[in-house]
């Protein structure tokens, strides 16, 4: 229900899931149910084989994507998919997001990746499953660490983010939207903008996430 509160999607768009690795199951938003109608009973429990183990409603149409990511990206316990406009704009432009400023560096220390468009053959197979496969393939090809880079833009589609729990995955989705908005303004003001220097990137990343992190309480 934080998705519409954070203006990350409208109507029934978007979804969140939470994974229990000990039981090998995840809870996910039901498909097509308005956010203000959601309650605990409406959540759907799915295993890593895609079988519904609890719940009376159909799970999110993106369930197969979540399933692939939980299976392939160890250590993530929550996933969020939104239709937030600035992140979707970058995805529709098929553009990765450079580290133009320290807000981005606080979130992740590298360019946010964007996948290529899915092939026609993959779309004919199982679209949502192939979306997950495309994300995993992109991270392998670009040698991205999914724990350092907890997000991706799917070309023509939109963002997926993840984290140590569902709440953290949503936090990453909200900050990603802000970073994409800032990056858009940066390129509008200066089409020749360059990434900030590496020493600034490392400083802002490490003060929050490094071994000597001192940000926060």
N, C-alpha and C. Protein backbone atom coordinates (compact mmCIF):
# COMPACT_ATOMS: atom_id res chain seq x y z
N UNK A 1 0.82 -1.21 0.00
CA UNK A 1 0.00 0.00 0.00
C UNK A 1 0.85 1.26 0.00
N UNK A 2 2.17 1.11 0.25
CA UNK A 2 3.07 2.26 0.17
C UNK A 2 3.31 2.70 -1.27
N UNK A 3 3.08 1.82 -2.23
CA UNK A 3 3.32 2.18 -3.63
C UNK A 3 2.51 3.42 -4.04
N UNK A 4 1.19 3.44 -3.86
CA UNK A 4 0.47 4.67 -4.20
C UNK A 4 0.76 5.83 -3.24
N UNK A 5 1.06 5.51 -1.98
CA UNK A 5 1.39 6.59 -1.04
C UNK A 5 2.64 7.33 -1.47
N UNK A 6 3.57 6.61 -2.08
CA UNK A 6 4.81 7.23 -2.55
C UNK A 6 4.71 7.69 -4.00
N UNK A 7 3.49 7.64 -4.56
CA UNK A 7 3.26 8.07 -5.95
C UNK A 7 4.11 7.29 -6.95
N UNK A 8 4.23 5.99 -6.71
CA UNK A 8 5.04 5.14 -7.58
C UNK A 8 4.19 4.38 -8.60
N UNK A 9 2.87 4.41 -8.45
CA UNK A 9 1.97 3.77 -9.41
C UNK A 9 0.55 4.21 -9.12
N UNK A 10 -0.32 4.07 -10.11
CA UNK A 10 -1.74 4.41 -9.95
C UNK A 10 -2.60 3.16 -10.11
N UNK A 11 -3.84 3.25 -9.69
CA UNK A 11 -4.82 2.18 -9.82
C UNK A 11 -4.28 0.87 -9.25
N UNK A 12 -4.18 -0.18 -10.07
CA UNK A 12 -3.70 -1.48 -9.57
C UNK A 12 -2.29 -1.78 -10.06
N UNK A 13 -1.63 -0.80 -10.67
CA UNK A 13 -0.30 -1.03 -11.24
C UNK A 13 0.71 -1.37 -10.13
N UNK A 14 1.72 -2.16 -10.47
CA UNK A 14 2.82 -2.44 -9.55
C UNK A 14 2.53 -3.59 -8.61
N UNK A 15 3.58 -4.05 -7.93
CA UNK A 15 3.45 -5.17 -7.01
C UNK A 15 4.67 -5.26 -6.10
N UNK A 16 4.47 -5.91 -4.97
CA UNK A 16 5.54 -6.16 -4.00
C UNK A 16 5.44 -7.60 -3.55
N UNK A 17 6.59 -8.21 -3.24
CA UNK A 17 6.59 -9.55 -2.67
C UNK A 17 7.60 -9.61 -1.53
N UNK A 18 7.42 -10.63 -0.68
CA UNK A 18 8.32 -10.86 0.46
C UNK A 18 8.62 -12.35 0.52
N UNK A 19 9.91 -12.70 0.63
CA UNK A 19 10.38 -14.09 0.52
C UNK A 19 10.80 -14.65 1.86
N UNK A 20 10.38 -15.90 2.12
CA UNK A 20 10.85 -16.66 3.29
C UNK A 20 11.74 -17.78 2.77
N UNK A 21 13.07 -17.60 2.84
CA UNK A 21 13.97 -18.60 2.25
C UNK A 21 13.94 -19.94 2.98
N UNK A 22 13.64 -19.94 4.27
CA UNK A 22 13.59 -21.20 5.01
C UNK A 22 12.45 -22.09 4.52
N UNK A 23 11.34 -21.47 4.18
CA UNK A 23 10.19 -22.24 3.70
C UNK A 23 10.13 -22.30 2.18
N UNK A 24 10.96 -21.48 1.51
CA UNK A 24 10.97 -21.49 0.06
C UNK A 24 9.69 -20.96 -0.56
N UNK A 25 9.07 -19.98 0.09
CA UNK A 25 7.81 -19.41 -0.40
C UNK A 25 7.88 -17.88 -0.34
N UNK A 26 7.03 -17.24 -1.14
CA UNK A 26 6.95 -15.79 -1.05
C UNK A 26 5.50 -15.34 -1.13
N UNK A 27 5.21 -14.25 -0.42
CA UNK A 27 3.90 -13.62 -0.47
C UNK A 27 3.95 -12.51 -1.50
N UNK A 28 2.89 -12.38 -2.29
CA UNK A 28 2.88 -11.36 -3.33
C UNK A 28 1.48 -10.77 -3.47
N UNK A 29 1.44 -9.53 -3.91
CA UNK A 29 0.17 -8.83 -4.14
C UNK A 29 -0.68 -9.60 -5.16
N UNK A 30 -1.98 -9.68 -4.93
CA UNK A 30 -2.86 -10.30 -5.92
C UNK A 30 -3.00 -9.43 -7.16
N UNK A 31 -3.33 -10.04 -8.26
CA UNK A 31 -3.43 -9.33 -9.54
C UNK A 31 -4.70 -8.51 -9.62
N UNK A 32 -4.56 -7.25 -10.04
CA UNK A 32 -5.71 -6.42 -10.36
C UNK A 32 -6.59 -5.99 -9.20
N UNK A 33 -6.07 -6.03 -7.98
CA UNK A 33 -6.84 -5.61 -6.81
C UNK A 33 -6.39 -4.21 -6.42
N UNK A 34 -7.32 -3.25 -6.29
CA UNK A 34 -6.93 -1.89 -5.90
C UNK A 34 -6.22 -1.88 -4.56
N UNK A 35 -5.28 -0.97 -4.40
CA UNK A 35 -4.48 -0.94 -3.17
C UNK A 35 -5.31 -0.72 -1.92
N UNK A 36 -6.36 0.10 -2.04
CA UNK A 36 -7.16 0.37 -0.84
C UNK A 36 -8.06 -0.81 -0.46
N UNK A 37 -8.08 -1.85 -1.28
CA UNK A 37 -8.85 -3.06 -0.96
C UNK A 37 -7.96 -4.19 -0.43
N UNK A 38 -6.67 -3.96 -0.38
CA UNK A 38 -5.75 -5.02 0.05
C UNK A 38 -5.82 -5.24 1.55
N UNK A 39 -5.70 -6.50 1.95
CA UNK A 39 -5.52 -6.85 3.36
C UNK A 39 -4.67 -8.11 3.41
N UNK A 40 -4.38 -8.57 4.60
CA UNK A 40 -3.50 -9.74 4.75
C UNK A 40 -4.09 -10.95 4.05
N UNK A 41 -5.40 -11.13 4.18
CA UNK A 41 -6.04 -12.31 3.61
C UNK A 41 -5.99 -12.33 2.08
N UNK A 42 -5.83 -11.17 1.46
CA UNK A 42 -5.81 -11.12 0.00
C UNK A 42 -4.44 -11.45 -0.60
N UNK A 43 -3.41 -11.51 0.24
CA UNK A 43 -2.09 -11.87 -0.27
C UNK A 43 -2.08 -13.32 -0.75
N UNK A 44 -1.21 -13.60 -1.71
CA UNK A 44 -1.10 -14.94 -2.28
C UNK A 44 0.29 -15.49 -1.97
N UNK A 45 0.34 -16.74 -1.49
CA UNK A 45 1.61 -17.38 -1.15
C UNK A 45 1.97 -18.35 -2.26
N UNK A 46 3.18 -18.20 -2.78
CA UNK A 46 3.63 -18.98 -3.94
C UNK A 46 4.98 -19.62 -3.60
N UNK A 47 5.23 -20.84 -4.09
CA UNK A 47 6.55 -21.44 -3.88
C UNK A 47 7.45 -21.16 -5.07
N UNK A 48 8.71 -21.60 -4.98
CA UNK A 48 9.68 -21.26 -6.02
C UNK A 48 9.49 -22.07 -7.30
N UNK A 49 8.54 -23.00 -7.28
CA UNK A 49 8.15 -23.70 -8.51
C UNK A 49 6.95 -23.04 -9.17
N UNK A 50 6.44 -21.97 -8.55
CA UNK A 50 5.32 -21.25 -9.11
C UNK A 50 3.96 -21.76 -8.68
N UNK A 51 3.94 -22.69 -7.74
CA UNK A 51 2.67 -23.26 -7.27
C UNK A 51 2.07 -22.40 -6.16
N UNK A 52 0.79 -22.11 -6.24
CA UNK A 52 0.10 -21.38 -5.18
C UNK A 52 -0.11 -22.33 -4.01
N UNK A 53 0.40 -21.96 -2.85
CA UNK A 53 0.27 -22.81 -1.66
C UNK A 53 -0.74 -22.25 -0.67
N UNK A 54 -1.12 -21.00 -0.84
CA UNK A 54 -2.13 -20.40 0.03
C UNK A 54 -2.69 -19.15 -0.65
N UNK A 55 -3.97 -18.93 -0.48
CA UNK A 55 -4.61 -17.75 -1.05
C UNK A 55 -5.69 -18.11 -2.04
N UNK A 56 -6.72 -17.28 -2.10
CA UNK A 56 -7.88 -17.54 -2.95
C UNK A 56 -7.86 -16.74 -4.24
N UNK A 57 -6.95 -15.75 -4.33
CA UNK A 57 -6.91 -14.87 -5.50
C UNK A 57 -5.75 -15.25 -6.42
N UNK A 58 -5.80 -14.74 -7.63
CA UNK A 58 -4.68 -14.94 -8.55
C UNK A 58 -3.52 -14.04 -8.14
N UNK A 59 -2.30 -14.55 -8.16
CA UNK A 59 -1.16 -13.70 -7.81
C UNK A 59 -0.88 -12.68 -8.91
N UNK A 60 -0.05 -11.71 -8.59
CA UNK A 60 0.36 -10.70 -9.56
C UNK A 60 0.79 -11.33 -10.87
N UNK A 61 0.51 -10.64 -11.97
CA UNK A 61 0.93 -11.14 -13.28
C UNK A 61 2.45 -11.19 -13.40
N UNK A 62 3.16 -10.47 -12.52
CA UNK A 62 4.62 -10.48 -12.56
C UNK A 62 5.23 -11.53 -11.62
N UNK A 63 4.42 -12.45 -11.12
CA UNK A 63 4.91 -13.44 -10.16
C UNK A 63 6.09 -14.23 -10.71
N UNK A 64 6.05 -14.61 -11.97
CA UNK A 64 7.14 -15.40 -12.54
C UNK A 64 8.46 -14.63 -12.53
N UNK A 65 8.39 -13.32 -12.73
CA UNK A 65 9.61 -12.50 -12.66
C UNK A 65 10.18 -12.53 -11.25
N UNK A 66 9.34 -12.35 -10.26
CA UNK A 66 9.77 -12.41 -8.86
C UNK A 66 10.39 -13.78 -8.56
N UNK A 67 9.75 -14.82 -9.04
CA UNK A 67 10.22 -16.18 -8.77
C UNK A 67 11.64 -16.39 -9.32
N UNK A 68 11.88 -15.92 -10.53
CA UNK A 68 13.22 -16.05 -11.12
C UNK A 68 14.26 -15.30 -10.29
N UNK A 69 13.93 -14.08 -9.89
CA UNK A 69 14.89 -13.27 -9.14
C UNK A 69 15.20 -13.89 -7.78
N UNK A 70 14.19 -14.40 -7.08
CA UNK A 70 14.46 -15.06 -5.79
C UNK A 70 15.32 -16.30 -5.97
N UNK A 71 15.12 -16.98 -7.06
CA UNK A 71 15.87 -18.21 -7.31
C UNK A 71 17.33 -17.91 -7.69
N UNK A 72 17.54 -16.84 -8.44
CA UNK A 72 18.86 -16.56 -9.01
C UNK A 72 19.68 -15.55 -8.22
N UNK A 73 19.03 -14.65 -7.48
CA UNK A 73 19.75 -13.61 -6.74
C UNK A 73 19.70 -13.94 -5.25
N UNK A 74 20.72 -14.58 -4.76
CA UNK A 74 20.73 -15.00 -3.36
C UNK A 74 20.79 -13.79 -2.44
N UNK A 75 20.12 -13.91 -1.30
CA UNK A 75 20.19 -12.86 -0.28
C UNK A 75 19.14 -11.79 -0.39
N UNK A 76 18.30 -11.81 -1.43
CA UNK A 76 17.24 -10.80 -1.51
C UNK A 76 15.95 -11.40 -0.94
N UNK A 77 15.26 -10.62 -0.13
CA UNK A 77 14.06 -11.11 0.56
C UNK A 77 12.82 -10.28 0.25
N UNK A 78 12.96 -9.30 -0.63
CA UNK A 78 11.81 -8.50 -1.03
C UNK A 78 12.04 -7.93 -2.42
N UNK A 79 10.97 -7.83 -3.21
CA UNK A 79 11.04 -7.29 -4.57
C UNK A 79 9.87 -6.34 -4.78
N UNK A 80 10.15 -5.23 -5.45
CA UNK A 80 9.10 -4.26 -5.81
C UNK A 80 9.19 -3.95 -7.30
N UNK A 81 8.02 -3.90 -7.92
CA UNK A 81 7.92 -3.44 -9.31
C UNK A 81 6.92 -2.30 -9.34
N UNK A 82 7.31 -1.17 -9.92
CA UNK A 82 6.41 -0.03 -10.00
C UNK A 82 6.31 0.46 -11.44
N UNK A 83 5.45 1.45 -11.62
CA UNK A 83 5.33 2.14 -12.91
C UNK A 83 5.61 3.62 -12.70
N UNK A 84 6.56 3.93 -11.82
CA UNK A 84 6.87 5.33 -11.52
C UNK A 84 7.37 6.03 -12.79
N UNK A 85 6.86 7.22 -13.09
CA UNK A 85 7.04 7.80 -14.42
C UNK A 85 8.46 8.13 -14.83
N UNK A 86 9.29 8.62 -13.91
CA UNK A 86 10.65 8.97 -14.32
C UNK A 86 11.50 7.72 -14.58
N UNK A 87 11.37 6.72 -13.72
CA UNK A 87 12.10 5.47 -13.95
C UNK A 87 11.61 4.79 -15.23
N UNK A 88 10.29 4.80 -15.44
CA UNK A 88 9.75 4.22 -16.67
C UNK A 88 10.25 4.99 -17.89
N UNK A 89 10.35 6.32 -17.76
CA UNK A 89 10.86 7.13 -18.87
C UNK A 89 12.25 6.68 -19.32
N UNK A 90 13.14 6.46 -18.35
CA UNK A 90 14.47 5.98 -18.69
C UNK A 90 14.41 4.58 -19.30
N UNK A 91 13.53 3.73 -18.78
CA UNK A 91 13.39 2.37 -19.32
C UNK A 91 12.86 2.41 -20.75
N UNK A 92 11.90 3.31 -21.01
CA UNK A 92 11.35 3.43 -22.36
C UNK A 92 12.37 4.01 -23.34
N UNK A 93 13.26 4.83 -22.83
CA UNK A 93 14.34 5.37 -23.66
C UNK A 93 15.47 4.37 -23.82
N UNK A 94 15.40 3.28 -23.08
CA UNK A 94 16.43 2.22 -23.06
C UNK A 94 17.78 2.84 -22.71
N UNK A 95 17.78 3.64 -21.63
CA UNK A 95 19.00 4.34 -21.22
C UNK A 95 19.36 3.97 -19.79
N UNK A 96 20.58 3.50 -19.56
CA UNK A 96 21.07 3.36 -18.18
C UNK A 96 21.23 4.73 -17.55
N UNK A 97 21.22 4.79 -16.23
CA UNK A 97 21.26 6.07 -15.52
C UNK A 97 22.65 6.30 -14.95
N UNK A 98 23.41 7.27 -15.49
CA UNK A 98 24.76 7.54 -14.99
C UNK A 98 24.73 8.12 -13.58
N UNK A 99 25.86 8.06 -12.90
CA UNK A 99 25.97 8.61 -11.55
C UNK A 99 26.25 10.11 -11.68
N UNK A 100 25.18 10.88 -11.84
CA UNK A 100 25.35 12.32 -12.04
C UNK A 100 25.54 13.08 -10.73
N UNK A 101 25.21 12.45 -9.59
CA UNK A 101 25.31 13.19 -8.34
C UNK A 101 25.41 12.29 -7.14
N UNK A 102 25.55 12.93 -5.98
CA UNK A 102 25.80 12.18 -4.75
C UNK A 102 24.56 11.45 -4.24
N UNK A 103 23.36 11.91 -4.61
CA UNK A 103 22.16 11.18 -4.21
C UNK A 103 22.18 9.78 -4.82
N UNK A 104 22.55 9.71 -6.09
CA UNK A 104 22.71 8.43 -6.77
C UNK A 104 23.80 7.60 -6.09
N UNK A 105 24.93 8.23 -5.79
CA UNK A 105 26.05 7.51 -5.18
C UNK A 105 25.69 6.97 -3.81
N UNK A 106 24.83 7.68 -3.07
CA UNK A 106 24.36 7.17 -1.79
C UNK A 106 23.56 5.88 -1.96
N UNK A 107 22.86 5.77 -3.09
CA UNK A 107 22.00 4.62 -3.35
C UNK A 107 22.79 3.45 -3.90
N UNK A 108 23.63 3.70 -4.88
CA UNK A 108 24.47 2.67 -5.49
C UNK A 108 25.63 3.36 -6.21
N UNK A 109 26.80 2.72 -6.27
CA UNK A 109 27.99 3.41 -6.74
C UNK A 109 28.27 3.26 -8.24
N UNK A 110 27.29 2.78 -9.00
CA UNK A 110 27.51 2.54 -10.42
C UNK A 110 26.31 3.01 -11.24
N UNK A 111 26.51 3.05 -12.54
CA UNK A 111 25.41 3.33 -13.46
C UNK A 111 24.30 2.30 -13.27
N UNK A 112 23.06 2.75 -13.17
CA UNK A 112 21.92 1.84 -13.02
C UNK A 112 21.66 1.20 -14.38
N UNK A 113 21.69 -0.12 -14.46
CA UNK A 113 21.59 -0.78 -15.76
C UNK A 113 20.18 -0.77 -16.33
N UNK A 114 20.11 -0.80 -17.66
CA UNK A 114 18.87 -1.00 -18.38
C UNK A 114 19.07 -2.20 -19.30
N UNK A 115 18.12 -3.10 -19.32
CA UNK A 115 18.22 -4.26 -20.19
C UNK A 115 18.05 -3.85 -21.64
N UNK A 116 18.30 -4.77 -22.53
CA UNK A 116 17.90 -4.60 -23.93
C UNK A 116 16.43 -4.97 -24.06
N UNK A 117 15.83 -4.73 -25.22
CA UNK A 117 14.47 -5.18 -25.45
C UNK A 117 14.44 -6.71 -25.51
N UNK A 118 13.39 -7.29 -24.97
CA UNK A 118 13.22 -8.73 -25.04
C UNK A 118 12.98 -9.16 -26.50
N UNK A 119 13.53 -10.29 -26.87
CA UNK A 119 13.36 -10.79 -28.23
C UNK A 119 11.93 -11.26 -28.47
N UNK A 120 11.52 -11.30 -29.73
CA UNK A 120 10.19 -11.79 -30.08
C UNK A 120 10.01 -13.24 -29.66
N UNK A 121 11.07 -14.02 -29.78
CA UNK A 121 11.01 -15.43 -29.39
C UNK A 121 10.75 -15.58 -27.90
N UNK A 122 11.44 -14.76 -27.09
CA UNK A 122 11.24 -14.83 -25.64
C UNK A 122 9.83 -14.41 -25.25
N UNK A 123 9.30 -13.38 -25.92
CA UNK A 123 7.94 -12.91 -25.63
C UNK A 123 6.93 -14.02 -25.88
N UNK A 124 7.15 -14.82 -26.93
CA UNK A 124 6.23 -15.91 -27.26
C UNK A 124 6.31 -17.05 -26.25
N UNK A 125 7.40 -17.12 -25.50
CA UNK A 125 7.58 -18.21 -24.55
C UNK A 125 6.74 -17.96 -23.30
N UNK A 126 7.33 -17.41 -22.27
CA UNK A 126 6.63 -17.03 -21.04
C UNK A 126 7.15 -15.65 -20.69
N UNK A 127 6.36 -14.63 -21.03
CA UNK A 127 6.84 -13.25 -20.98
C UNK A 127 7.39 -12.86 -19.61
N UNK A 128 6.64 -13.15 -18.56
CA UNK A 128 7.05 -12.73 -17.22
C UNK A 128 8.29 -13.50 -16.75
N UNK A 129 8.33 -14.79 -17.04
CA UNK A 129 9.52 -15.57 -16.69
C UNK A 129 10.74 -15.07 -17.46
N UNK A 130 10.54 -14.78 -18.74
CA UNK A 130 11.64 -14.29 -19.57
C UNK A 130 12.09 -12.90 -19.13
N UNK A 131 11.19 -12.11 -18.54
CA UNK A 131 11.59 -10.82 -17.98
C UNK A 131 12.62 -11.04 -16.87
N UNK A 132 12.34 -12.01 -15.99
CA UNK A 132 13.30 -12.35 -14.94
C UNK A 132 14.62 -12.84 -15.52
N UNK A 133 14.53 -13.69 -16.53
CA UNK A 133 15.75 -14.20 -17.17
C UNK A 133 16.56 -13.08 -17.81
N UNK A 134 15.85 -12.10 -18.40
CA UNK A 134 16.53 -10.96 -19.04
C UNK A 134 17.28 -10.13 -18.01
N UNK A 135 16.66 -9.93 -16.83
CA UNK A 135 17.32 -9.18 -15.76
C UNK A 135 18.58 -9.91 -15.30
N UNK A 136 18.46 -11.21 -15.07
CA UNK A 136 19.61 -12.00 -14.61
C UNK A 136 20.71 -11.99 -15.66
N UNK A 137 20.34 -12.15 -16.92
CA UNK A 137 21.32 -12.14 -18.01
C UNK A 137 22.04 -10.80 -18.08
N UNK A 138 21.30 -9.71 -17.93
CA UNK A 138 21.90 -8.37 -17.97
C UNK A 138 22.93 -8.20 -16.87
N UNK A 139 22.62 -8.66 -15.66
CA UNK A 139 23.56 -8.54 -14.55
C UNK A 139 24.79 -9.40 -14.77
N UNK A 140 24.63 -10.56 -15.35
CA UNK A 140 25.79 -11.42 -15.63
C UNK A 140 26.67 -10.82 -16.71
N UNK A 141 26.04 -10.32 -17.77
CA UNK A 141 26.82 -9.75 -18.88
C UNK A 141 27.55 -8.48 -18.46
N UNK A 142 26.91 -7.67 -17.61
CA UNK A 142 27.52 -6.41 -17.17
C UNK A 142 28.32 -6.56 -15.89
N UNK A 143 28.38 -7.81 -15.39
CA UNK A 143 29.14 -8.11 -14.17
C UNK A 143 28.70 -7.23 -13.00
N UNK A 144 27.40 -7.10 -12.84
CA UNK A 144 26.83 -6.32 -11.75
C UNK A 144 26.59 -7.23 -10.54
N UNK A 145 26.84 -6.72 -9.36
CA UNK A 145 26.53 -7.41 -8.11
C UNK A 145 25.13 -7.01 -7.69
N UNK A 146 24.22 -7.97 -7.58
CA UNK A 146 22.82 -7.64 -7.30
C UNK A 146 22.60 -7.11 -5.89
N UNK A 147 23.58 -7.29 -5.00
CA UNK A 147 23.45 -6.73 -3.66
C UNK A 147 23.93 -5.28 -3.61
N UNK A 148 24.93 -4.95 -4.40
CA UNK A 148 25.40 -3.57 -4.49
C UNK A 148 24.48 -2.74 -5.38
N UNK A 149 23.94 -3.39 -6.42
CA UNK A 149 23.05 -2.72 -7.36
C UNK A 149 21.66 -3.36 -7.23
N UNK A 150 20.83 -2.87 -6.30
CA UNK A 150 19.55 -3.54 -6.00
C UNK A 150 18.41 -3.09 -6.90
N UNK A 151 18.69 -2.89 -8.19
CA UNK A 151 17.66 -2.35 -9.07
C UNK A 151 18.05 -2.52 -10.52
N UNK A 152 17.05 -2.46 -11.39
CA UNK A 152 17.28 -2.53 -12.82
C UNK A 152 16.11 -1.88 -13.54
N UNK A 153 16.37 -1.37 -14.73
CA UNK A 153 15.32 -0.88 -15.61
C UNK A 153 15.14 -1.90 -16.72
N UNK A 154 13.93 -2.36 -16.93
CA UNK A 154 13.64 -3.30 -18.01
C UNK A 154 13.18 -2.50 -19.21
N UNK A 155 13.88 -2.64 -20.32
CA UNK A 155 13.65 -1.80 -21.50
C UNK A 155 12.19 -1.83 -21.94
N UNK A 156 11.63 -0.63 -22.10
CA UNK A 156 10.26 -0.49 -22.55
C UNK A 156 9.22 -0.82 -21.51
N UNK A 157 9.64 -1.20 -20.32
CA UNK A 157 8.72 -1.69 -19.30
C UNK A 157 8.78 -0.85 -18.03
N UNK A 158 9.87 -0.98 -17.27
CA UNK A 158 9.97 -0.21 -16.04
C UNK A 158 10.92 -0.82 -15.04
N UNK A 159 10.90 -0.31 -13.81
CA UNK A 159 11.89 -0.71 -12.81
C UNK A 159 11.47 -1.91 -11.97
N UNK A 160 12.46 -2.71 -11.61
CA UNK A 160 12.35 -3.72 -10.55
C UNK A 160 13.44 -3.41 -9.54
N UNK A 161 13.09 -3.45 -8.26
CA UNK A 161 14.07 -3.21 -7.20
C UNK A 161 13.93 -4.32 -6.17
N UNK A 162 14.97 -4.51 -5.36
CA UNK A 162 14.93 -5.57 -4.36
C UNK A 162 15.75 -5.15 -3.14
N UNK A 163 15.68 -5.96 -2.08
CA UNK A 163 16.40 -5.62 -0.86
C UNK A 163 16.30 -6.71 0.18
N UNK A 164 16.71 -6.37 1.40
CA UNK A 164 16.77 -7.34 2.49
C UNK A 164 15.38 -7.71 3.01
N UNK A 165 14.38 -6.94 2.64
CA UNK A 165 12.98 -7.27 2.93
C UNK A 165 12.11 -6.46 1.99
N UNK A 166 10.79 -6.67 2.08
CA UNK A 166 9.88 -5.98 1.17
C UNK A 166 9.95 -4.47 1.34
N UNK A 167 10.06 -4.01 2.59
CA UNK A 167 10.11 -2.57 2.86
C UNK A 167 11.35 -1.94 2.22
N UNK A 168 12.48 -2.62 2.31
CA UNK A 168 13.71 -2.08 1.72
C UNK A 168 13.63 -2.06 0.20
N UNK A 169 12.99 -3.05 -0.38
CA UNK A 169 12.84 -3.06 -1.84
C UNK A 169 11.98 -1.87 -2.28
N UNK A 170 10.97 -1.53 -1.50
CA UNK A 170 10.13 -0.37 -1.81
C UNK A 170 10.90 0.93 -1.62
N UNK A 171 11.72 0.99 -0.58
CA UNK A 171 12.59 2.15 -0.36
C UNK A 171 13.47 2.38 -1.59
N UNK A 172 14.06 1.30 -2.09
CA UNK A 172 14.91 1.42 -3.28
C UNK A 172 14.11 1.91 -4.48
N UNK A 173 12.85 1.46 -4.60
CA UNK A 173 12.01 1.92 -5.71
C UNK A 173 11.73 3.41 -5.61
N UNK A 174 11.47 3.90 -4.40
CA UNK A 174 11.17 5.32 -4.21
C UNK A 174 12.40 6.19 -4.48
N UNK A 175 13.56 5.75 -3.99
CA UNK A 175 14.78 6.54 -4.22
C UNK A 175 15.20 6.46 -5.68
N UNK A 176 15.02 5.30 -6.31
CA UNK A 176 15.31 5.18 -7.74
C UNK A 176 14.50 6.19 -8.54
N UNK A 177 13.23 6.34 -8.22
CA UNK A 177 12.39 7.30 -8.92
C UNK A 177 12.95 8.72 -8.78
N UNK A 178 13.38 9.09 -7.57
CA UNK A 178 13.97 10.42 -7.37
C UNK A 178 15.27 10.58 -8.15
N UNK A 179 16.10 9.56 -8.15
CA UNK A 179 17.37 9.62 -8.88
C UNK A 179 17.11 9.77 -10.38
N UNK A 180 16.13 9.05 -10.91
CA UNK A 180 15.80 9.15 -12.33
C UNK A 180 15.28 10.55 -12.67
N UNK A 181 14.50 11.12 -11.77
CA UNK A 181 13.99 12.49 -11.98
C UNK A 181 15.16 13.48 -12.00
N UNK A 182 16.06 13.35 -11.03
CA UNK A 182 17.22 14.24 -10.97
C UNK A 182 18.10 14.09 -12.21
N UNK A 183 18.27 12.86 -12.67
CA UNK A 183 19.11 12.62 -13.85
C UNK A 183 18.49 13.22 -15.10
N UNK A 184 17.16 13.15 -15.19
CA UNK A 184 16.47 13.77 -16.33
C UNK A 184 16.70 15.27 -16.33
N UNK A 185 16.53 15.91 -15.16
CA UNK A 185 16.76 17.35 -15.08
C UNK A 185 18.20 17.69 -15.44
N UNK A 186 19.12 16.86 -15.00
CA UNK A 186 20.54 17.10 -15.29
C UNK A 186 20.78 17.11 -16.80
N UNK A 187 20.23 16.12 -17.52
CA UNK A 187 20.45 16.05 -18.96
C UNK A 187 19.69 17.15 -19.70
N UNK A 188 18.56 17.60 -19.15
CA UNK A 188 17.84 18.72 -19.77
C UNK A 188 18.65 20.01 -19.66
N UNK A 189 19.27 20.21 -18.50
CA UNK A 189 20.06 21.42 -18.28
C UNK A 189 21.42 21.36 -18.96
N UNK A 190 21.96 20.16 -19.03
CA UNK A 190 23.29 19.99 -19.64
C UNK A 190 23.33 18.66 -20.38
N UNK A 191 23.02 18.67 -21.68
CA UNK A 191 23.03 17.43 -22.46
C UNK A 191 24.39 16.74 -22.50
N UNK A 192 25.43 17.47 -22.14
CA UNK A 192 26.78 16.90 -22.15
C UNK A 192 27.27 16.54 -20.74
N UNK A 193 26.34 16.43 -19.81
CA UNK A 193 26.72 16.12 -18.42
C UNK A 193 27.49 14.81 -18.33
N UNK A 194 28.43 14.77 -17.40
CA UNK A 194 29.25 13.59 -17.17
C UNK A 194 29.04 13.10 -15.74
N UNK A 195 29.35 11.85 -15.52
CA UNK A 195 29.29 11.30 -14.17
C UNK A 195 30.22 12.08 -13.25
N UNK A 196 29.83 12.20 -11.99
CA UNK A 196 30.70 12.88 -11.02
C UNK A 196 31.98 12.07 -10.83
N UNK A 197 33.05 12.67 -10.32
CA UNK A 197 34.31 11.96 -10.15
C UNK A 197 34.19 10.73 -9.25
N UNK A 198 35.02 9.74 -9.55
CA UNK A 198 34.97 8.47 -8.82
C UNK A 198 35.21 8.65 -7.34
N UNK A 199 36.08 9.60 -6.95
CA UNK A 199 36.35 9.76 -5.53
C UNK A 199 35.13 10.27 -4.77
N UNK A 200 34.28 11.05 -5.42
CA UNK A 200 33.03 11.49 -4.79
C UNK A 200 32.03 10.34 -4.69
N UNK A 201 31.98 9.54 -5.75
CA UNK A 201 31.10 8.37 -5.73
C UNK A 201 31.46 7.45 -4.58
N UNK A 202 32.76 7.11 -4.47
CA UNK A 202 33.19 6.17 -3.44
C UNK A 202 32.95 6.74 -2.04
N UNK A 203 33.20 8.04 -1.87
CA UNK A 203 33.00 8.65 -0.56
C UNK A 203 31.55 8.52 -0.13
N UNK A 204 30.62 8.87 -1.01
CA UNK A 204 29.21 8.84 -0.62
C UNK A 204 28.70 7.42 -0.45
N UNK A 205 29.18 6.50 -1.27
CA UNK A 205 28.77 5.10 -1.12
C UNK A 205 29.30 4.52 0.19
N UNK A 206 30.58 4.73 0.45
CA UNK A 206 31.21 4.09 1.59
C UNK A 206 30.81 4.70 2.93
N UNK A 207 30.45 5.98 2.95
CA UNK A 207 30.03 6.57 4.22
C UNK A 207 28.69 6.00 4.69
N UNK A 208 27.94 5.39 3.75
CA UNK A 208 26.68 4.76 4.12
C UNK A 208 26.76 3.24 4.13
N UNK A 209 27.64 2.67 3.30
CA UNK A 209 27.62 1.22 3.11
C UNK A 209 28.98 0.55 3.33
N UNK A 210 30.04 1.32 3.45
CA UNK A 210 31.37 0.75 3.57
C UNK A 210 31.68 0.24 4.96
N UNK A 211 32.86 -0.37 5.15
CA UNK A 211 33.23 -0.93 6.45
C UNK A 211 33.33 0.12 7.56
N UNK A 212 33.63 1.35 7.19
CA UNK A 212 33.70 2.42 8.19
C UNK A 212 32.51 3.36 8.10
N UNK A 213 31.36 2.86 7.69
CA UNK A 213 30.17 3.70 7.49
C UNK A 213 29.83 4.47 8.77
N UNK A 214 29.49 5.74 8.60
CA UNK A 214 29.16 6.57 9.76
C UNK A 214 27.85 7.34 9.58
N UNK A 215 27.13 7.09 8.48
CA UNK A 215 25.85 7.76 8.26
C UNK A 215 24.77 7.09 9.11
N UNK A 216 23.94 7.88 9.76
CA UNK A 216 22.83 7.34 10.53
C UNK A 216 23.21 7.03 11.96
N UNK A 217 22.27 6.41 12.68
CA UNK A 217 22.46 6.13 14.11
C UNK A 217 22.83 4.65 14.33
